[in-house]
C-alpha atoms as a PDB file:
ATOM      1  CA  MET A   1      44.092  19.270  44.177  1.00  0.00           C
ATOM      2  CA  ALA A   2      42.231  17.164  41.672  1.00  0.00           C
ATOM      3  CA  ASN A   3      38.758  15.960  42.651  1.00  0.00           C
ATOM      4  CA  GLY A   4      38.843  17.821  45.988  1.00  0.00           C
ATOM      5  CA  GLU A   5      41.866  15.963  47.340  1.00  0.00           C
ATOM      6  CA  ILE A   6      43.205  17.510  50.535  1.00  0.00           C
ATOM      7  CA  LEU A   7      46.996  17.593  50.301  1.00  0.00           C
ATOM      8  CA  ALA A   8      49.529  18.160  53.069  1.00  0.00           C
ATOM      9  CA  PRO A   9      51.157  21.571  52.513  1.00  0.00           C
ATOM     10  CA  VAL A  10      54.242  20.508  54.532  1.00  0.00           C
ATOM     11  CA  SER A  11      55.792  17.439  56.127  1.00  0.00           C
ATOM     12  CA  GLY A  12      54.872  17.047  59.775  1.00  0.00           C
ATOM     13  CA  SER A  13      52.306  15.273  61.915  1.00  0.00           C
ATOM     14  CA  VAL A  14      48.533  15.461  62.200  1.00  0.00           C
ATOM     15  CA  TRP A  15      47.952  17.455  65.378  1.00  0.00           C
ATOM     16  CA  LYS A  16      44.152  17.803  65.342  1.00  0.00           C
ATOM     17  CA  ILE A  17      41.298  16.797  63.032  1.00  0.00           C
ATOM     18  CA  GLU A  18      38.530  19.406  62.967  1.00  0.00           C
ATOM     19  CA  CYS A  19      35.922  17.660  60.750  1.00  0.00           C
ATOM     20  CA  THR A  20      34.252  14.270  60.633  1.00  0.00           C
ATOM     21  CA  GLU A  21      33.552  12.170  57.573  1.00  0.00           C
ATOM     22  CA  GLY A  22      30.170  13.059  56.079  1.00  0.00           C
ATOM     23  CA  GLN A  23      30.300  16.649  57.342  1.00  0.00           C
ATOM     24  CA  ALA A  24      29.444  19.477  54.926  1.00  0.00           C
ATOM     25  CA  VAL A  25      32.339  21.905  54.440  1.00  0.00           C
ATOM     26  CA  SER A  26      32.866  25.137  52.572  1.00  0.00           C
ATOM     27  CA  GLU A  27      35.943  26.012  50.568  1.00  0.00           C
ATOM     28  CA  GLY A  28      38.518  27.396  53.009  1.00  0.00           C
ATOM     29  CA  ASP A  29      37.114  25.666  56.123  1.00  0.00           C
ATOM     30  CA  THR A  30      39.821  24.195  58.350  1.00  0.00           C
ATOM     31  CA  ILE A  31      39.747  20.400  58.000  1.00  0.00           C
ATOM     32  CA  MET A  32      42.722  19.609  60.225  1.00  0.00           C
ATOM     33  CA  ILE A  33      45.831  21.121  61.744  1.00  0.00           C
ATOM     34  CA  LEU A  34      49.323  19.821  61.079  1.00  0.00           C
ATOM     35  CA  GLU A  35      52.297  20.407  63.334  1.00  0.00           C
ATOM     36  CA  SER A  36      55.666  21.009  61.729  1.00  0.00           C
ATOM     37  CA  MET A  37      58.753  22.443  63.407  1.00  0.00           C
ATOM     38  CA  LYS A  38      56.634  23.404  66.441  1.00  0.00           C
ATOM     39  CA  MET A  39      54.254  25.438  64.226  1.00  0.00           C
ATOM     40  CA  GLU A  40      50.555  24.729  63.702  1.00  0.00           C
ATOM     41  CA  ILE A  41      49.540  24.759  60.036  1.00  0.00           C
ATOM     42  CA  PRO A  42      45.820  24.722  59.173  1.00  0.00           C
ATOM     43  CA  VAL A  43      44.786  22.520  56.247  1.00  0.00           C
ATOM     44  CA  GLU A  44      41.736  23.906  54.454  1.00  0.00           C
ATOM     45  CA  ALA A  45      39.027  22.386  52.270  1.00  0.00           C
ATOM     46  CA  PRO A  46      40.001  22.965  48.617  1.00  0.00           C
ATOM     47  CA  VAL A  47      36.344  23.037  47.492  1.00  0.00           C
ATOM     48  CA  SER A  48      32.871  23.172  49.032  1.00  0.00           C
ATOM     49  CA  GLY A  49      31.120  19.841  49.464  1.00  0.00           C
ATOM     50  CA  THR A  50      31.101  16.837  51.779  1.00  0.00           C
ATOM     51  CA  PHE A  51      34.180  15.692  53.672  1.00  0.00           C
ATOM     52  CA  SER A  52      33.923  12.150  52.360  1.00  0.00           C
ATOM     53  CA  SER A  53      37.228  10.467  53.097  1.00  0.00           C
ATOM     54  CA  LEU A  54      39.898  10.713  55.774  1.00  0.00           C
ATOM     55  CA  THR A  55      43.180   8.866  55.206  1.00  0.00           C
ATOM     56  CA  VAL A  56      45.021   9.858  58.410  1.00  0.00           C
ATOM     57  CA  LYS A  57      44.410   9.990  62.144  1.00  0.00           C
ATOM     58  CA  GLU A  58      45.683  12.321  64.857  1.00  0.00           C
ATOM     59  CA  GLY A  59      49.356  11.726  65.541  1.00  0.00           C
ATOM     60  CA  ASP A  60      50.153  10.275  62.099  1.00  0.00           C
ATOM     61  CA  PRO A  61      53.304  11.538  60.385  1.00  0.00           C
ATOM     62  CA  VAL A  62      52.694  12.924  56.876  1.00  0.00           C
ATOM     63  CA  GLU A  63      54.909  13.933  53.975  1.00  0.00           C
ATOM     64  CA  GLU A  64      54.423  17.095  51.922  1.00  0.00           C
ATOM     65  CA  ASP A  65      51.779  16.591  49.175  1.00  0.00           C
ATOM     66  CA  ALA A  66      50.408  13.404  50.794  1.00  0.00           C
ATOM     67  CA  VAL A  67      46.646  12.945  50.360  1.00  0.00           C
ATOM     68  CA  LEU A  68      45.029  13.524  53.767  1.00  0.00           C
ATOM     69  CA  GLY A  69      41.416  13.161  52.664  1.00  0.00           C
ATOM     70  CA  VAL A  70      38.864  14.058  49.994  1.00  0.00           C
ATOM     71  CA  VAL A  71      36.011  16.541  49.708  1.00  0.00           C
ATOM     72  CA  THR A  72      33.359  15.524  47.170  1.00  0.00           C
ATOM     73  CA  THR A  73      31.189  18.119  45.489  1.00  0.00           C
END
């Protein structure tokens, strides 16, 4: 997770986005929730900082290891 990139841990779809761009987050905070095979998978901030970039929206399909957003320190 170079430079605070938030990567999709699994393939699925973006079920819910919990943070807004510009929001301060701590390492481990839930940024969004993915849905895969009828399971909800939380995606956490890799580092503490500012949630500075979002590259998906709710309902978007995502592949494993896709960049979902960035947290800047």
